[in-house]
Amino acid sequence: MSEFIQYTLQGLAAGGFYALSALGLAVIFGVLGVVNFSHGACYMLGAVIAAVLLAELSLGFWVALVVVPVIMFGFGVLMERLLVQWLLALDPLYNFLLTFGLTLILVEAVKLRYGVSGLPYEIPAGLGGQVTVGSVNLSVYAIFACVFSVVLCLAVGLLMTRTRIGMIVRAATEDPGRTRALGINVGRWVTPVFGFGIALAGLAGVLAAPTRAITAEMGSNFIIILFAVVVIGGLGSILGAVVAGFLVGLVEAYGVAYAPAYAQIVIFVLMAAVILVRPSGLFGREEVA
């Protein structure tokens, strides 16, 4: 029983990384209609920047939690203004290919600058070690990552539901056509929404840095699982992205623990099952299917 609780906590912590990134991916897809294949590379960049800040500027984890999302927001704004916006009127496949090419460039650039062996990043002071609850030993950092992710997702949810800006973005994400029909200029929100989505991916990378190997390729497998998360939750669904992120994290953790040879396969079996039963995803709209 104690091992099951540990695996559950690990799954929720990993699910937090997926939920934050999938939330950004869902918002970008909903408002722009862009399937951002470079989201995994942005997740990787977040972790790399955190490691560089620590190694070269002695700026630790807590500073990186604030600084990296700001840097990645700026990167997302530049990416949308210089590249993505010019292809929005074309078939979505063009932006998919564009972001795929950008992924290759970012990965190779990190390899050239920092090599392939990975960058060191220790668990921050105060979050190392374990706590004992009854007979169960739980990782302090896993608890922090889980709680932080849940709180941040709730904060984003409140932003989306309790503020005028949030409601406009949520409406544009879930039904951009009807939002435009109400006289709201969806186009003015394109750039900040894209930057916001990229910032969430970078923040997920910072959270993952103390527990994952920070390499140029760390986003490659991540983006594949992330697309499974978005499909399971429903394309363009904010709630679906968060729920499916934590669900996939749990499935992955249980798979690694009890059936390691099939850990990755189980995620895509789950995705296939959801598509067969509900093609639009758990919380997606039928027209998206």
C-alpha atoms as a PDB file:
ATOM      1  CA  MET A   1       0.000   0.000   0.000  1.00  0.00           C
ATOM      2  CA  SER A   2       2.827   2.408   0.847  1.00  0.00           C
ATOM      3  CA  GLU A   3       4.423   1.790  -2.567  1.00  0.00           C
ATOM      4  CA  PHE A   4       1.106   2.505  -4.278  1.00  0.00           C
ATOM      5  CA  ILE A   5       0.871   5.858  -2.500  1.00  0.00           C
ATOM      6  CA  GLN A   6       4.446   6.696  -3.536  1.00  0.00           C
ATOM      7  CA  TYR A   7       3.686   5.834  -7.165  1.00  0.00           C
ATOM      8  CA  THR A   8       0.522   7.921  -7.002  1.00  0.00           C
ATOM      9  CA  LEU A   9       2.471  10.925  -5.737  1.00  0.00           C
ATOM     10  CA  GLN A  10       5.094  10.466  -8.459  1.00  0.00           C
ATOM     11  CA  GLY A  11       2.322  10.247 -11.044  1.00  0.00           C
ATOM     12  CA  LEU A  12       0.642  13.405  -9.801  1.00  0.00           C
ATOM     13  CA  ALA A  13       3.977  15.259  -9.850  1.00  0.00           C
ATOM     14  CA  ALA A  14       4.662  14.153 -13.439  1.00  0.00           C
ATOM     15  CA  GLY A  15       1.035  14.881 -14.271  1.00  0.00           C
ATOM     16  CA  GLY A  16       1.606  18.447 -13.114  1.00  0.00           C
ATOM     17  CA  PHE A  17       4.291  18.876 -15.794  1.00  0.00           C
ATOM     18  CA  TYR A  18       1.920  17.497 -18.416  1.00  0.00           C
ATOM     19  CA  ALA A  19      -1.065  19.522 -17.179  1.00  0.00           C
ATOM     20  CA  LEU A  20       0.773  22.856 -17.260  1.00  0.00           C
ATOM     21  CA  SER A  21       2.223  22.239 -20.711  1.00  0.00           C
ATOM     22  CA  ALA A  22      -1.016  20.826 -22.116  1.00  0.00           C
ATOM     23  CA  LEU A  23      -2.877  23.840 -20.759  1.00  0.00           C
ATOM     24  CA  GLY A  24      -0.632  26.117 -22.804  1.00  0.00           C
ATOM     25  CA  LEU A  25      -0.925  23.880 -25.860  1.00  0.00           C
ATOM     26  CA  ALA A  26      -4.729  23.816 -25.593  1.00  0.00           C
ATOM     27  CA  VAL A  27      -4.993  27.599 -25.306  1.00  0.00           C
ATOM     28  CA  ILE A  28      -2.709  28.118 -28.315  1.00  0.00           C
ATOM     29  CA  PHE A  29      -4.662  25.628 -30.408  1.00  0.00           C
ATOM     30  CA  GLY A  30      -8.012  27.089 -29.388  1.00  0.00           C
ATOM     31  CA  VAL A  31      -7.204  30.724 -30.174  1.00  0.00           C
ATOM     32  CA  LEU A  32      -4.791  30.325 -33.112  1.00  0.00           C
ATOM     33  CA  GLY A  33      -5.690  26.902 -34.463  1.00  0.00           C
ATOM     34  CA  VAL A  34      -1.968  26.088 -34.373  1.00  0.00           C
ATOM     35  CA  VAL A  35      -0.701  22.659 -33.354  1.00  0.00           C
ATOM     36  CA  ASN A  36       2.550  23.803 -31.761  1.00  0.00           C
ATOM     37  CA  PHE A  37       5.014  20.952 -32.228  1.00  0.00           C
ATOM     38  CA  SER A  38       7.758  23.064 -30.621  1.00  0.00           C
ATOM     39  CA  HIS A  39       6.039  22.916 -27.219  1.00  0.00           C
ATOM     40  CA  GLY A  40       8.334  20.090 -26.129  1.00  0.00           C
ATOM     41  CA  ALA A  41      11.380  22.109 -27.155  1.00  0.00           C
ATOM     42  CA  CYS A  42      10.062  25.073 -25.129  1.00  0.00           C
ATOM     43  CA  TYR A  43       9.686  22.750 -22.142  1.00  0.00           C
ATOM     44  CA  MET A  44      13.310  21.724 -22.679  1.00  0.00           C
ATOM     45  CA  LEU A  45      14.397  25.369 -22.984  1.00  0.00           C
ATOM     46  CA  GLY A  46      12.760  26.164 -19.662  1.00  0.00           C
ATOM     47  CA  ALA A  47      14.828  23.493 -17.935  1.00  0.00           C
ATOM     48  CA  VAL A  48      18.025  24.501 -19.759  1.00  0.00           C
ATOM     49  CA  ILE A  49      17.600  28.192 -18.900  1.00  0.00           C
ATOM     50  CA  ALA A  50      17.032  27.286 -15.240  1.00  0.00           C
ATOM     51  CA  ALA A  51      20.271  25.263 -15.233  1.00  0.00           C
ATOM     52  CA  VAL A  52      22.183  28.075 -16.955  1.00  0.00           C
ATOM     53  CA  LEU A  53      20.863  30.672 -14.492  1.00  0.00           C
ATOM     54  CA  LEU A  54      22.087  28.506 -11.629  1.00  0.00           C
ATOM     55  CA  ALA A  55      25.495  27.680 -13.136  1.00  0.00           C
ATOM     56  CA  GLU A  56      26.449  31.072 -14.563  1.00  0.00           C
ATOM     57  CA  LEU A  57      24.514  33.621 -12.502  1.00  0.00           C
ATOM     58  CA  SER A  58      23.973  31.686  -9.253  1.00  0.00           C
ATOM     59  CA  LEU A  59      20.223  32.272  -9.528  1.00  0.00           C
ATOM     60  CA  GLY A  60      18.500  29.337  -7.876  1.00  0.00           C
ATOM     61  CA  PHE A  61      15.281  27.447  -8.342  1.00  0.00           C
ATOM     62  CA  TRP A  62      12.974  30.015  -6.731  1.00  0.00           C
ATOM     63  CA  VAL A  63      14.237  32.814  -8.935  1.00  0.00           C
ATOM     64  CA  ALA A  64      13.991  30.567 -11.999  1.00  0.00           C
ATOM     65  CA  LEU A  65      10.311  29.900 -11.231  1.00  0.00           C
ATOM     66  CA  VAL A  66       9.683  33.602 -11.863  1.00  0.00           C
ATOM     67  CA  VAL A  67      12.353  34.549 -14.393  1.00  0.00           C
ATOM     68  CA  VAL A  68      12.081  31.619 -16.817  1.00  0.00           C
ATOM     69  CA  PRO A  69       8.332  32.027 -17.571  1.00  0.00           C
ATOM     70  CA  VAL A  70       8.950  35.733 -18.273  1.00  0.00           C
ATOM     71  CA  ILE A  71      11.805  34.883 -20.653  1.00  0.00           C
ATOM     72  CA  MET A  72       9.738  32.194 -22.354  1.00  0.00           C
ATOM     73  CA  PHE A  73       6.764  34.553 -22.672  1.00  0.00           C
ATOM     74  CA  GLY A  74       9.023  36.971 -24.539  1.00  0.00           C
ATOM     75  CA  PHE A  75      10.322  34.121 -26.687  1.00  0.00           C
ATOM     76  CA  GLY A  76       6.750  33.086 -27.487  1.00  0.00           C
ATOM     77  CA  VAL A  77       5.794  36.643 -28.461  1.00  0.00           C
ATOM     78  CA  LEU A  78       8.789  36.888 -30.812  1.00  0.00           C
ATOM     79  CA  MET A  79       8.042  33.459 -32.233  1.00  0.00           C
ATOM     80  CA  GLU A  80       4.436  34.405 -33.002  1.00  0.00           C
ATOM     81  CA  ARG A  81       5.277  37.845 -34.414  1.00  0.00           C
ATOM     82  CA  LEU A  82       8.234  36.771 -36.553  1.00  0.00           C
ATOM     83  CA  LEU A  83       7.110  33.332 -37.714  1.00  0.00           C
ATOM     84  CA  VAL A  84       3.700  31.949 -36.807  1.00  0.00           C
ATOM     85  CA  GLN A  85       1.497  34.910 -37.755  1.00  0.00           C
ATOM     86  CA  TRP A  86       2.534  34.780 -41.409  1.00  0.00           C
ATOM     87  CA  LEU A  87       1.110  31.284 -41.833  1.00  0.00           C
ATOM     88  CA  LEU A  88      -2.127  31.609 -39.845  1.00  0.00           C
ATOM     89  CA  ALA A  89      -4.211  32.165 -42.974  1.00  0.00           C
ATOM     90  CA  LEU A  90      -2.850  29.005 -44.597  1.00  0.00           C
ATOM     91  CA  ASP A  91      -3.505  25.337 -43.942  1.00  0.00           C
ATOM     92  CA  PRO A  92      -2.625  24.447 -40.303  1.00  0.00           C
ATOM     93  CA  LEU A  93      -0.159  21.898 -41.656  1.00  0.00           C
ATOM     94  CA  TYR A  94       2.210  24.744 -42.575  1.00  0.00           C
ATOM     95  CA  ASN A  95       2.494  25.977 -38.999  1.00  0.00           C
ATOM     96  CA  PHE A  96       2.869  22.399 -37.821  1.00  0.00           C
ATOM     97  CA  LEU A  97       5.828  21.984 -40.173  1.00  0.00           C
ATOM     98  CA  LEU A  98       7.188  25.389 -39.125  1.00  0.00           C
ATOM     99  CA  THR A  99       7.133  24.513 -35.423  1.00  0.00           C
ATOM    100  CA  PHE A 100       8.579  21.084 -36.195  1.00  0.00           C
ATOM    101  CA  GLY A 101      11.493  22.752 -37.979  1.00  0.00           C
ATOM    102  CA  LEU A 102      11.912  25.201 -35.100  1.00  0.00           C
ATOM    103  CA  THR A 103      12.115  22.235 -32.738  1.00  0.00           C
ATOM    104  CA  LEU A 104      15.000  20.763 -34.718  1.00  0.00           C
ATOM    105  CA  ILE A 105      16.814  24.110 -34.676  1.00  0.00           C
ATOM    106  CA  LEU A 106      16.400  24.575 -30.916  1.00  0.00           C
ATOM    107  CA  VAL A 107      17.482  21.017 -30.125  1.00  0.00           C
ATOM    108  CA  GLU A 108      20.585  21.238 -32.288  1.00  0.00           C
ATOM    109  CA  ALA A 109      21.462  24.686 -30.911  1.00  0.00           C
ATOM    110  CA  VAL A 110      21.354  23.376 -27.334  1.00  0.00           C
ATOM    111  CA  LYS A 111      23.466  20.371 -28.352  1.00  0.00           C
ATOM    112  CA  LEU A 112      26.091  22.623 -29.934  1.00  0.00           C
ATOM    113  CA  ARG A 113      26.274  24.921 -26.914  1.00  0.00           C
ATOM    114  CA  TYR A 114      25.935  22.484 -24.008  1.00  0.00           C
ATOM    115  CA  GLY A 115      26.605  19.066 -25.498  1.00  0.00           C
ATOM    116  CA  VAL A 116      24.562  15.910 -25.174  1.00  0.00           C
ATOM    117  CA  SER A 117      25.586  14.738 -21.703  1.00  0.00           C
ATOM    118  CA  GLY A 118      23.114  16.932 -19.869  1.00  0.00           C
ATOM    119  CA  LEU A 119      23.262  19.820 -17.419  1.00  0.00           C
ATOM    120  CA  PRO A 120      23.334  19.347 -13.633  1.00  0.00           C
ATOM    121  CA  TYR A 121      20.527  20.698 -11.473  1.00  0.00           C
ATOM    122  CA  GLU A 122      20.077  19.761  -7.845  1.00  0.00           C
ATOM    123  CA  ILE A 123      16.858  19.668  -5.886  1.00  0.00           C
ATOM    124  CA  PRO A 124      16.587  23.087  -4.176  1.00  0.00           C
ATOM    125  CA  ALA A 125      17.416  23.452  -0.504  1.00  0.00           C
ATOM    126  CA  GLY A 126      14.453  22.758   1.710  1.00  0.00           C
ATOM    127  CA  LEU A 127      12.777  20.474  -0.812  1.00  0.00           C
ATOM    128  CA  GLY A 128      15.175  17.547  -0.622  1.00  0.00           C
ATOM    129  CA  GLY A 129      14.729  14.383   1.368  1.00  0.00           C
ATOM    130  CA  GLN A 130      11.532  12.672   2.401  1.00  0.00           C
ATOM    131  CA  VAL A 131       8.735  13.029   4.909  1.00  0.00           C
ATOM    132  CA  THR A 132       7.142  10.116   6.697  1.00  0.00           C
ATOM    133  CA  VAL A 133       3.356   9.933   6.837  1.00  0.00           C
ATOM    134  CA  GLY A 134       2.413   6.889   8.877  1.00  0.00           C
ATOM    135  CA  SER A 135       4.424   4.091   7.299  1.00  0.00           C
ATOM    136  CA  VAL A 136       4.846   5.860   3.962  1.00  0.00           C
ATOM    137  CA  ASN A 137       7.965   7.801   2.933  1.00  0.00           C
ATOM    138  CA  LEU A 138       7.132  10.577   0.486  1.00  0.00           C
ATOM    139  CA  SER A 139       9.475  12.778  -1.534  1.00  0.00           C
ATOM    140  CA  VAL A 140       9.292  16.390  -0.380  1.00  0.00           C
ATOM    141  CA  TYR A 141       9.965  17.690  -3.883  1.00  0.00           C
ATOM    142  CA  ALA A 142       7.299  15.455  -5.437  1.00  0.00           C
ATOM    143  CA  ILE A 143       4.792  16.824  -2.911  1.00  0.00           C
ATOM    144  CA  PHE A 144       5.856  20.379  -3.747  1.00  0.00           C
ATOM    145  CA  ALA A 145       5.673  19.806  -7.521  1.00  0.00           C
ATOM    146  CA  CYS A 146       2.219  18.246  -7.205  1.00  0.00           C
ATOM    147  CA  VAL A 147       0.819  20.962  -4.943  1.00  0.00           C
ATOM    148  CA  PHE A 148       2.421  23.780  -6.957  1.00  0.00           C
ATOM    149  CA  SER A 149       1.003  22.427 -10.225  1.00  0.00           C
ATOM    150  CA  VAL A 150      -2.478  22.005  -8.790  1.00  0.00           C
ATOM    151  CA  VAL A 151      -2.449  25.497  -7.273  1.00  0.00           C
ATOM    152  CA  LEU A 152      -1.187  27.041 -10.510  1.00  0.00           C
ATOM    153  CA  CYS A 153      -3.803  25.220 -12.589  1.00  0.00           C
ATOM    154  CA  LEU A 154      -6.493  26.439 -10.172  1.00  0.00           C
ATOM    155  CA  ALA A 155      -5.083  29.968 -10.394  1.00  0.00           C
ATOM    156  CA  VAL A 156      -5.208  29.836 -14.197  1.00  0.00           C
ATOM    157  CA  GLY A 157      -8.734  28.447 -13.934  1.00  0.00           C
ATOM    158  CA  LEU A 158      -9.796  31.358 -11.720  1.00  0.00           C
ATOM    159  CA  LEU A 159      -8.121  33.777 -14.130  1.00  0.00           C
ATOM    160  CA  MET A 160     -10.066  32.237 -16.999  1.00  0.00           C
ATOM    161  CA  THR A 161     -13.434  32.213 -15.208  1.00  0.00           C
ATOM    162  CA  ARG A 162     -13.395  35.221 -12.873  1.00  0.00           C
ATOM    163  CA  THR A 163     -11.819  37.978 -14.970  1.00  0.00           C
ATOM    164  CA  ARG A 164     -13.018  39.645 -18.146  1.00  0.00           C
ATOM    165  CA  ILE A 165      -9.745  38.985 -19.950  1.00  0.00           C
ATOM    166  CA  GLY A 166      -9.828  35.346 -18.875  1.00  0.00           C
ATOM    167  CA  MET A 167     -13.405  34.862 -20.045  1.00  0.00           C
ATOM    168  CA  ILE A 168     -12.577  36.384 -23.432  1.00  0.00           C
ATOM    169  CA  VAL A 169      -9.555  34.098 -23.829  1.00  0.00           C
ATOM    170  CA  ARG A 170     -11.541  31.066 -22.676  1.00  0.00           C
ATOM    171  CA  ALA A 171     -14.364  31.884 -25.081  1.00  0.00           C
ATOM    172  CA  ALA A 172     -11.879  32.401 -27.910  1.00  0.00           C
ATOM    173  CA  THR A 173     -10.208  29.109 -27.001  1.00  0.00           C
ATOM    174  CA  GLU A 174     -13.354  26.994 -26.903  1.00  0.00           C
ATOM    175  CA  ASP A 175     -15.424  28.698 -29.636  1.00  0.00           C
ATOM    176  CA  PRO A 176     -13.479  31.344 -31.591  1.00  0.00           C
ATOM    177  CA  GLY A 177     -16.117  31.645 -34.325  1.00  0.00           C
ATOM    178  CA  ARG A 178     -18.946  32.514 -31.972  1.00  0.00           C
ATOM    179  CA  THR A 179     -16.648  34.834 -30.005  1.00  0.00           C
ATOM    180  CA  ARG A 180     -15.927  36.819 -33.165  1.00  0.00           C
ATOM    181  CA  ALA A 181     -19.662  36.910 -33.918  1.00  0.00           C
ATOM    182  CA  LEU A 182     -20.200  38.687 -30.586  1.00  0.00           C
ATOM    183  CA  GLY A 183     -17.961  41.515 -31.764  1.00  0.00           C
ATOM    184  CA  ILE A 184     -14.829  40.542 -29.826  1.00  0.00           C
ATOM    185  CA  ASN A 185     -11.560  41.029 -31.690  1.00  0.00           C
ATOM    186  CA  VAL A 186      -9.951  37.624 -31.189  1.00  0.00           C
ATOM    187  CA  GLY A 187      -6.913  38.707 -33.214  1.00  0.00           C
ATOM    188  CA  ARG A 188      -5.681  41.131 -30.556  1.00  0.00           C
ATOM    189  CA  TRP A 189      -5.335  38.246 -28.095  1.00  0.00           C
ATOM    190  CA  VAL A 190      -3.337  36.015 -30.436  1.00  0.00           C
ATOM    191  CA  THR A 191       0.148  37.242 -29.495  1.00  0.00           C
ATOM    192  CA  PRO A 192      -0.239  37.345 -25.676  1.00  0.00           C
ATOM    193  CA  VAL A 193      -2.036  33.988 -25.673  1.00  0.00           C
ATOM    194  CA  PHE A 194       0.762  32.379 -27.663  1.00  0.00           C
ATOM    195  CA  GLY A 195       3.333  33.863 -25.283  1.00  0.00           C
ATOM    196  CA  PHE A 196       1.307  32.656 -22.292  1.00  0.00           C
ATOM    197  CA  GLY A 197       1.179  29.116 -23.653  1.00  0.00           C
ATOM    198  CA  ILE A 198       4.932  29.057 -24.241  1.00  0.00           C
ATOM    199  CA  ALA A 199       5.527  30.470 -20.740  1.00  0.00           C
ATOM    200  CA  LEU A 200       3.570  27.565 -19.209  1.00  0.00           C
ATOM    201  CA  ALA A 201       5.734  25.084 -21.121  1.00  0.00           C
ATOM    202  CA  GLY A 202       8.878  26.816 -19.831  1.00  0.00           C
ATOM    203  CA  LEU A 203       7.534  26.778 -16.276  1.00  0.00           C
ATOM    204  CA  ALA A 204       6.878  23.042 -16.552  1.00  0.00           C
ATOM    205  CA  GLY A 205      10.495  22.650 -17.641  1.00  0.00           C
ATOM    206  CA  VAL A 206      11.717  24.467 -14.517  1.00  0.00           C
ATOM    207  CA  LEU A 207       9.611  22.193 -12.311  1.00  0.00           C
ATOM    208  CA  ALA A 208      10.975  19.123 -14.082  1.00  0.00           C
ATOM    209  CA  ALA A 209      14.621  20.247 -13.948  1.00  0.00           C
ATOM    210  CA  PRO A 210      15.482  18.911 -10.455  1.00  0.00           C
ATOM    211  CA  THR A 211      14.133  15.431 -11.206  1.00  0.00           C
ATOM    212  CA  ARG A 212      14.748  14.937 -14.943  1.00  0.00           C
ATOM    213  CA  ALA A 213      17.911  14.711 -17.006  1.00  0.00           C
ATOM    214  CA  ILE A 214      18.340  18.149 -18.611  1.00  0.00           C
ATOM    215  CA  THR A 215      19.354  17.354 -22.175  1.00  0.00           C
ATOM    216  CA  ALA A 216      18.532  18.736 -25.608  1.00  0.00           C
ATOM    217  CA  GLU A 217      16.374  15.669 -26.288  1.00  0.00           C
ATOM    218  CA  MET A 218      14.296  15.810 -23.105  1.00  0.00           C
ATOM    219  CA  GLY A 219      11.394  17.420 -24.949  1.00  0.00           C
ATOM    220  CA  SER A 220      11.236  14.813 -27.730  1.00  0.00           C
ATOM    221  CA  ASN A 221       9.400  12.110 -25.805  1.00  0.00           C
ATOM    222  CA  PHE A 222       7.588  14.756 -23.775  1.00  0.00           C
ATOM    223  CA  ILE A 223       5.843  16.282 -26.803  1.00  0.00           C
ATOM    224  CA  ILE A 224       4.592  12.891 -27.980  1.00  0.00           C
ATOM    225  CA  ILE A 225       2.989  12.208 -24.601  1.00  0.00           C
ATOM    226  CA  LEU A 226       1.739  15.798 -24.506  1.00  0.00           C
ATOM    227  CA  PHE A 227      -0.172  15.323 -27.760  1.00  0.00           C
ATOM    228  CA  ALA A 228      -1.739  12.201 -26.237  1.00  0.00           C
ATOM    229  CA  VAL A 229      -2.760  14.305 -23.220  1.00  0.00           C
ATOM    230  CA  VAL A 230      -4.406  16.952 -25.411  1.00  0.00           C
ATOM    231  CA  VAL A 231      -6.224  14.343 -27.499  1.00  0.00           C
ATOM    232  CA  ILE A 232      -7.497  12.550 -24.397  1.00  0.00           C
ATOM    233  CA  GLY A 233      -8.660  15.776 -22.775  1.00  0.00           C
ATOM    234  CA  GLY A 234     -10.099  17.235 -25.966  1.00  0.00           C
ATOM    235  CA  LEU A 235      -8.479  19.648 -28.425  1.00  0.00           C
ATOM    236  CA  GLY A 236      -8.971  23.216 -27.242  1.00  0.00           C
ATOM    237  CA  SER A 237     -10.446  22.207 -23.877  1.00  0.00           C
ATOM    238  CA  ILE A 238      -8.777  23.919 -20.925  1.00  0.00           C
ATOM    239  CA  LEU A 239     -10.364  21.658 -18.306  1.00  0.00           C
ATOM    240  CA  GLY A 240      -9.621  18.594 -20.433  1.00  0.00           C
ATOM    241  CA  ALA A 241      -5.938  19.504 -20.703  1.00  0.00           C
ATOM    242  CA  VAL A 242      -5.553  19.704 -16.921  1.00  0.00           C
ATOM    243  CA  VAL A 243      -7.553  16.577 -16.086  1.00  0.00           C
ATOM    244  CA  ALA A 244      -5.915  14.496 -18.813  1.00  0.00           C
ATOM    245  CA  GLY A 245      -2.455  15.740 -17.776  1.00  0.00           C
ATOM    246  CA  PHE A 246      -2.802  14.383 -14.259  1.00  0.00           C
ATOM    247  CA  LEU A 247      -4.538  11.233 -15.537  1.00  0.00           C
ATOM    248  CA  VAL A 248      -1.695  10.447 -17.954  1.00  0.00           C
ATOM    249  CA  GLY A 249       0.859  11.146 -15.214  1.00  0.00           C
ATOM    250  CA  LEU A 250      -0.816   8.555 -13.005  1.00  0.00           C
ATOM    251  CA  VAL A 251      -1.083   6.018 -15.832  1.00  0.00           C
ATOM    252  CA  GLU A 252       2.594   6.500 -16.651  1.00  0.00           C
ATOM    253  CA  ALA A 253       3.693   6.120 -13.010  1.00  0.00           C
ATOM    254  CA  TYR A 254       1.632   2.967 -12.470  1.00  0.00           C
ATOM    255  CA  GLY A 255       2.898   1.569 -15.767  1.00  0.00           C
ATOM    256  CA  VAL A 256       6.547   2.157 -14.834  1.00  0.00           C
ATOM    257  CA  ALA A 257       5.934   0.560 -11.420  1.00  0.00           C
ATOM    258  CA  TYR A 258       3.897  -2.490 -12.362  1.00  0.00           C
ATOM    259  CA  ALA A 259       4.537  -3.057 -16.077  1.00  0.00           C
ATOM    260  CA  PRO A 260       7.678  -1.148 -17.092  1.00  0.00           C
ATOM    261  CA  ALA A 261       7.896  -2.811 -20.498  1.00  0.00           C
ATOM    262  CA  TYR A 262       4.455  -1.439 -21.394  1.00  0.00           C
ATOM    263  CA  ALA A 263       4.543   1.901 -19.559  1.00  0.00           C
ATOM    264  CA  GLN A 264       4.509   4.061 -22.697  1.00  0.00           C
ATOM    265  CA  ILE A 265       2.163   1.758 -24.602  1.00  0.00           C
ATOM    266  CA  VAL A 266      -0.530   2.020 -21.926  1.00  0.00           C
ATOM    267  CA  ILE A 267      -0.793   5.787 -22.453  1.00  0.00           C
ATOM    268  CA  PHE A 268      -1.553   5.378 -26.141  1.00  0.00           C
ATOM    269  CA  VAL A 269      -3.914   2.481 -25.500  1.00  0.00           C
ATOM    270  CA  LEU A 270      -5.802   4.862 -23.210  1.00  0.00           C
ATOM    271  CA  MET A 271      -5.765   7.512 -25.941  1.00  0.00           C
ATOM    272  CA  ALA A 272      -7.104   5.046 -28.514  1.00  0.00           C
ATOM    273  CA  ALA A 273      -9.846   3.907 -26.136  1.00  0.00           C
ATOM    274  CA  VAL A 274     -10.946   7.494 -25.505  1.00  0.00           C
ATOM    275  CA  ILE A 275     -10.994   8.266 -29.245  1.00  0.00           C
ATOM    276  CA  LEU A 276     -13.114   5.182 -29.945  1.00  0.00           C
ATOM    277  CA  VAL A 277     -15.646   6.036 -27.252  1.00  0.00           C
ATOM    278  CA  ARG A 278     -15.556   9.823 -27.573  1.00  0.00           C
ATOM    279  CA  PRO A 279     -13.679  11.116 -30.641  1.00  0.00           C
ATOM    280  CA  SER A 280     -13.708  14.713 -29.374  1.00  0.00           C
ATOM    281  CA  GLY A 281     -11.907  13.727 -26.156  1.00  0.00           C
ATOM    282  CA  LEU A 282     -13.184  13.670 -22.586  1.00  0.00           C
ATOM    283  CA  PHE A 283     -14.071  17.364 -22.484  1.00  0.00           C
ATOM    284  CA  GLY A 284     -13.799  18.390 -26.128  1.00  0.00           C
ATOM    285  CA  ARG A 285     -16.571  19.662 -28.369  1.00  0.00           C
ATOM    286  CA  GLU A 286     -18.080  17.299 -30.935  1.00  0.00           C
ATOM    287  CA  GLU A 287     -17.317  19.643 -33.864  1.00  0.00           C
ATOM    288  CA  VAL A 288     -13.596  19.438 -33.035  1.00  0.00           C
ATOM    289  CA  ALA A 289     -13.723  15.697 -33.601  1.00  0.00           C
END
